[in-house]
Amino acid sequence: MLFLSILLAAFYLTSCNDSTADFEPVFESIEKSLMIDGECTDSVFTSTIDDLTEADIENLHFMREEEKLAHDVYLYFFDLYGERIFSQIAQSEAMHMEAILRLLDHFEIEDLSATEIGRFNNTDLQALYDQLILSGEESLEAALAVGALIEETDIADLIESIEETENSDIELVLGKLLNGSYNHLKAFVSVLSANNVSYSPQILMQDDFDAIMAMTNGNNGKGNKQGYKNGNKTNNGEGAQKMKKSNQGKRGGRA
């Protein structure tokens, strides 16, 4: 948690306007990217639980609550500031949560995620949620920067999970969520920039961050682990896997 506190304190925020900028063009691309449609229904899943590894199951449990964290944080900030970007991306995060739940249901794996808003069975995610809420309460600008940080973290974690699995059904769903997270990050950075707030990547390497910002509608068009070739690099030069283990306690803190 000290690492995350340092990251949040390191945001470079200049003066900004009282209201957020018009982010509608970016949000339209988010909606298109997150349309799971029939592709994520059970009818397209071809594997069984026997095809999963222990890491696959652990990753699904973790990603389910990590998507919930994003959803719950954004709902909290919408209630606090009334800015549309939080409510709209929270709706997208609800779709992310549902997509992971579809996988759990298909494999007949019990959903271990907490149901109450702001509560998590994963103790590390609970601590992270509490820290992010405190940081975002400082100002609207800080809350928007927290949103960008959450999306950077989601991107790194999704890429790691995709890299770890050999299961095509998991790759299918997580690949779509990855494209959605690209769009979310672009949306937060766009609103910050339009309000004279400069955001620098806190987890991703600068080149990787710039590549995401340059994507058409934030979508790489592939939705798989080859879609973003440098996505497993973080801002401190370490791999995403090491970043997650050391800073989020993913392995030791799962429910």
Protein backbone atom coordinates (compact mmCIF):
# COMPACT_ATOMS: atom_id res chain seq x y z
CA MET A 1 0.00 0.00 0.00
CA LEU A 2 2.96 2.33 0.53
CA PHE A 3 3.75 1.95 -3.17
CA LEU A 4 0.23 3.02 -4.12
CA SER A 5 0.36 5.97 -1.74
CA ILE A 6 3.57 7.13 -3.40
CA LEU A 7 1.99 6.76 -6.83
CA LEU A 8 -1.05 8.77 -5.87
CA ALA A 9 1.08 11.49 -4.36
CA ALA A 10 3.19 11.63 -7.51
CA PHE A 11 0.39 12.69 -9.88
CA TYR A 12 1.30 15.90 -11.66
CA LEU A 13 -1.86 18.00 -11.54
CA THR A 14 -1.99 21.54 -12.88
CA SER A 15 -4.88 23.97 -12.51
CA CYS A 16 -8.15 22.81 -14.01
CA ASN A 17 -11.63 24.07 -14.78
CA ASP A 18 -14.60 23.48 -12.49
CA SER A 19 -16.30 20.96 -14.77
CA THR A 20 -15.06 18.03 -16.77
CA ALA A 21 -14.69 18.28 -20.53
CA ASP A 22 -16.97 16.75 -23.12
CA PHE A 23 -15.80 13.13 -23.38
CA GLU A 24 -18.75 11.82 -25.39
CA PRO A 25 -16.74 10.78 -28.51
CA VAL A 26 -14.46 8.69 -26.32
CA PHE A 27 -17.36 7.20 -24.40
CA GLU A 28 -19.11 6.11 -27.58
CA SER A 29 -16.07 3.98 -28.38
CA ILE A 30 -16.17 2.54 -24.87
CA GLU A 31 -19.74 1.39 -25.36
CA LYS A 32 -18.89 -0.32 -28.65
CA SER A 33 -15.83 -2.01 -27.21
CA LEU A 34 -17.70 -3.37 -24.20
CA MET A 35 -20.63 -4.86 -26.10
CA ILE A 36 -20.14 -8.49 -25.15
CA ASP A 37 -23.10 -9.56 -27.35
CA GLY A 38 -23.45 -13.27 -28.03
CA GLU A 39 -19.71 -13.78 -28.12
CA CYS A 40 -19.53 -14.10 -24.37
CA THR A 41 -22.54 -16.33 -23.87
CA ASP A 42 -22.13 -19.93 -22.81
CA SER A 43 -22.90 -21.06 -26.36
CA VAL A 44 -19.46 -19.96 -27.57
CA PHE A 45 -17.48 -21.43 -24.67
CA THR A 46 -15.86 -24.71 -25.65
CA SER A 47 -13.77 -25.73 -22.62
CA THR A 48 -14.62 -27.28 -19.28
CA ILE A 49 -13.28 -26.85 -15.77
CA ASP A 50 -10.99 -29.81 -16.43
CA ASP A 51 -9.16 -27.60 -18.93
CA LEU A 52 -8.34 -24.96 -16.32
CA THR A 53 -5.24 -24.64 -14.20
CA GLU A 54 -5.13 -23.55 -10.58
CA ALA A 55 -3.78 -20.20 -11.79
CA ASP A 56 -6.73 -19.83 -14.17
CA ILE A 57 -9.22 -20.25 -11.33
CA GLU A 58 -7.30 -17.91 -9.04
CA ASN A 59 -7.09 -15.28 -11.77
CA LEU A 60 -10.83 -15.44 -12.43
CA HIS A 61 -11.60 -14.92 -8.74
CA PHE A 62 -9.17 -12.02 -8.54
CA MET A 63 -10.30 -10.32 -11.77
CA ARG A 64 -13.94 -10.58 -10.67
CA GLU A 65 -13.27 -8.52 -7.55
CA GLU A 66 -10.78 -6.22 -9.26
CA GLU A 67 -13.45 -5.24 -11.79
CA LYS A 68 -15.81 -4.76 -8.83
CA LEU A 69 -13.26 -2.43 -7.23
CA ALA A 70 -13.25 -0.20 -10.32
CA HIS A 71 -17.05 -0.27 -10.44
CA ASP A 72 -17.47 0.60 -6.75
CA VAL A 73 -14.83 3.36 -6.77
CA TYR A 74 -16.46 5.04 -9.77
CA LEU A 75 -19.93 4.85 -8.21
CA TYR A 76 -18.56 6.47 -5.06
CA PHE A 77 -16.95 9.29 -7.02
CA PHE A 78 -20.12 9.84 -9.05
CA ASP A 79 -22.10 10.23 -5.85
CA LEU A 80 -19.44 12.62 -4.54
CA TYR A 81 -18.88 14.78 -7.63
CA GLY A 82 -21.82 14.06 -9.95
CA GLU A 83 -19.55 13.80 -13.01
CA ARG A 84 -20.94 11.65 -15.83
CA ILE A 85 -17.69 9.89 -16.65
CA PHE A 86 -17.81 8.02 -13.35
CA SER A 87 -21.38 6.77 -13.74
CA GLN A 88 -20.90 5.82 -17.37
CA ILE A 89 -17.66 3.91 -16.89
CA ALA A 90 -19.13 2.30 -13.78
CA GLN A 91 -21.81 0.85 -16.07
CA SER A 92 -19.07 -0.55 -18.28
CA GLU A 93 -17.32 -2.04 -15.26
CA ALA A 94 -20.57 -3.75 -14.33
CA MET A 95 -20.42 -5.41 -17.75
CA HIS A 96 -16.85 -6.48 -17.02
CA MET A 97 -17.98 -8.05 -13.76
CA GLU A 98 -20.81 -9.84 -15.57
CA ALA A 99 -18.43 -11.19 -18.20
CA ILE A 100 -16.20 -12.76 -15.54
CA LEU A 101 -19.28 -14.14 -13.78
CA ARG A 102 -20.36 -15.80 -17.02
CA LEU A 103 -17.06 -17.63 -17.13
CA LEU A 104 -17.38 -18.70 -13.48
CA ASP A 105 -20.92 -19.91 -14.10
CA HIS A 106 -19.90 -21.78 -17.23
CA PHE A 107 -17.14 -23.60 -15.39
CA GLU A 108 -19.45 -24.11 -12.38
CA ILE A 109 -17.01 -22.28 -10.10
CA GLU A 110 -18.42 -20.60 -7.00
CA ASP A 111 -18.36 -16.81 -7.15
CA LEU A 112 -16.35 -15.70 -4.11
CA SER A 113 -16.78 -11.96 -4.62
CA ALA A 114 -18.47 -9.79 -2.01
CA THR A 115 -21.87 -8.36 -2.89
CA GLU A 116 -21.93 -5.16 -0.83
CA ILE A 117 -20.70 -1.97 -2.49
CA GLY A 118 -17.27 -1.04 -1.16
CA ARG A 119 -16.68 -4.45 0.44
CA PHE A 120 -14.26 -7.12 -0.83
CA ASN A 121 -13.40 -10.60 0.34
CA ASN A 122 -9.86 -10.08 -0.95
CA THR A 123 -8.22 -8.15 1.89
CA ASP A 124 -5.64 -6.51 -0.38
CA LEU A 125 -8.34 -5.20 -2.70
CA GLN A 126 -10.26 -3.94 0.34
CA ALA A 127 -7.21 -1.99 1.50
CA LEU A 128 -6.64 -0.67 -2.01
CA TYR A 129 -10.26 0.45 -2.31
CA ASP A 130 -10.05 2.32 0.98
CA GLN A 131 -6.82 4.05 -0.08
CA LEU A 132 -8.17 5.05 -3.50
CA ILE A 133 -11.35 6.48 -1.98
CA LEU A 134 -9.33 8.62 0.42
CA SER A 135 -7.11 9.87 -2.37
CA GLY A 136 -10.02 10.69 -4.66
CA GLU A 137 -11.86 12.59 -1.95
CA GLU A 138 -9.22 15.31 -2.09
CA SER A 139 -10.62 16.82 -5.28
CA LEU A 140 -12.35 16.00 -8.54
CA GLU A 141 -8.99 16.12 -10.29
CA ALA A 142 -7.54 13.59 -7.86
CA ALA A 143 -10.55 11.31 -8.39
CA LEU A 144 -10.09 11.42 -12.17
CA ALA A 145 -6.41 10.59 -11.71
CA VAL A 146 -7.38 7.66 -9.49
CA GLY A 147 -9.58 6.45 -12.34
CA ALA A 148 -6.64 6.54 -14.74
CA LEU A 149 -4.47 4.66 -12.24
CA ILE A 150 -7.13 1.98 -11.79
CA GLU A 151 -7.31 1.46 -15.55
CA GLU A 152 -3.52 1.22 -15.83
CA THR A 153 -3.57 -1.43 -13.12
CA ASP A 154 -6.41 -3.32 -14.83
CA ILE A 155 -4.49 -3.30 -18.10
CA ALA A 156 -1.36 -4.74 -16.49
CA ASP A 157 -3.34 -7.36 -14.59
CA LEU A 158 -5.45 -8.40 -17.58
CA ILE A 159 -2.35 -8.78 -19.73
CA GLU A 160 -0.70 -10.93 -17.09
CA SER A 161 -3.77 -13.14 -16.78
CA ILE A 162 -3.98 -13.52 -20.56
CA GLU A 163 -0.30 -14.39 -20.73
CA GLU A 164 -0.69 -16.99 -17.97
CA THR A 165 -3.62 -18.88 -19.50
CA GLU A 166 -3.81 -21.31 -22.37
CA ASN A 167 -7.61 -21.41 -22.21
CA SER A 168 -9.27 -19.92 -25.28
CA ASP A 169 -12.50 -19.01 -23.45
CA ILE A 170 -10.62 -17.02 -20.83
CA GLU A 171 -8.53 -15.37 -23.54
CA LEU A 172 -11.71 -14.42 -25.42
CA VAL A 173 -13.35 -12.69 -22.47
CA LEU A 174 -10.27 -11.09 -20.94
CA GLY A 175 -9.19 -9.85 -24.35
CA LYS A 176 -12.46 -7.95 -24.70
CA LEU A 177 -12.11 -6.53 -21.20
CA LEU A 178 -8.57 -5.44 -22.04
CA ASN A 179 -9.83 -3.43 -25.00
CA GLY A 180 -12.44 -1.88 -22.72
CA SER A 181 -9.76 -0.90 -20.21
CA TYR A 182 -7.75 0.76 -22.98
CA ASN A 183 -10.82 2.88 -23.72
CA HIS A 184 -11.41 3.68 -20.07
CA LEU A 185 -7.85 4.89 -19.67
CA LYS A 186 -8.15 7.04 -22.78
CA ALA A 187 -11.39 8.54 -21.47
CA PHE A 188 -9.95 9.54 -18.10
CA VAL A 189 -6.79 10.98 -19.65
CA SER A 190 -8.88 12.86 -22.22
CA VAL A 191 -11.02 14.50 -19.54
CA LEU A 192 -7.98 15.37 -17.45
CA SER A 193 -6.20 16.86 -20.43
CA ALA A 194 -9.22 18.93 -21.47
CA ASN A 195 -9.25 20.41 -17.98
CA ASN A 196 -5.57 21.37 -18.11
CA VAL A 197 -4.49 18.40 -16.00
CA SER A 198 -1.38 16.54 -17.10
CA TYR A 199 -1.40 12.81 -16.36
CA SER A 200 1.74 10.71 -16.59
CA PRO A 201 1.62 6.88 -16.52
CA GLN A 202 2.20 5.46 -13.06
CA ILE A 203 2.42 1.75 -13.92
CA LEU A 204 2.83 1.31 -17.66
CA MET A 205 5.97 2.28 -19.51
CA GLN A 206 5.70 5.63 -21.26
CA ASP A 207 5.98 4.03 -24.73
CA ASP A 208 3.21 1.59 -23.91
CA PHE A 209 1.03 4.35 -22.50
CA ASP A 210 1.60 6.42 -25.65
CA ALA A 211 0.68 3.42 -27.81
CA ILE A 212 -2.64 3.10 -26.00
CA MET A 213 -3.34 6.79 -26.38
CA ALA A 214 -2.70 6.45 -30.13
CA MET A 215 -5.07 3.51 -30.61
CA THR A 216 -8.15 4.19 -32.72
CA ASN A 217 -11.00 4.37 -30.20
CA GLY A 218 -8.62 2.81 -27.72
CA ASN A 219 -9.15 -0.57 -29.37
CA ASN A 220 -6.32 -2.70 -30.69
CA GLY A 221 -8.75 -4.72 -32.77
CA LYS A 222 -7.27 -8.01 -31.58
CA GLY A 223 -8.40 -8.53 -28.01
CA ASN A 224 -5.72 -11.08 -27.23
CA LYS A 225 -2.30 -11.32 -25.67
CA GLN A 226 -0.59 -10.44 -28.95
CA GLY A 227 -2.63 -7.25 -29.32
CA TYR A 228 -0.41 -5.02 -27.21
CA LYS A 229 3.15 -6.21 -27.56
CA ASN A 230 4.71 -4.24 -24.72
CA GLY A 231 1.80 -4.33 -22.31
CA ASN A 232 3.66 -6.46 -19.77
CA LYS A 233 6.16 -3.73 -18.96
CA THR A 234 5.65 -1.39 -16.05
CA ASN A 235 6.94 2.04 -15.21
CA ASN A 236 9.69 0.72 -12.97
CA GLY A 237 11.04 -1.56 -15.68
CA GLU A 238 9.65 -4.72 -14.10
CA GLY A 239 7.18 -7.18 -15.58
CA ALA A 240 3.49 -6.89 -14.81
CA GLN A 241 3.59 -10.17 -12.91
CA LYS A 242 6.23 -8.94 -10.47
CA MET A 243 4.41 -5.63 -10.11
CA LYS A 244 1.18 -7.36 -9.19
CA LYS A 245 2.71 -9.76 -6.72
CA SER A 246 4.75 -7.14 -4.89
CA ASN A 247 2.21 -4.32 -4.84
CA GLN A 248 -1.21 -5.94 -4.73
CA GLY A 249 -0.51 -9.17 -2.91
CA LYS A 250 -2.57 -11.01 -5.50
CA ARG A 251 -1.36 -14.51 -4.69
CA GLY A 252 -1.49 -14.28 -0.95
CA GLY A 253 -4.62 -12.21 -0.62
CA ARG A 254 -7.19 -14.06 -2.64
CA ALA A 255 -10.46 -15.08 -1.10
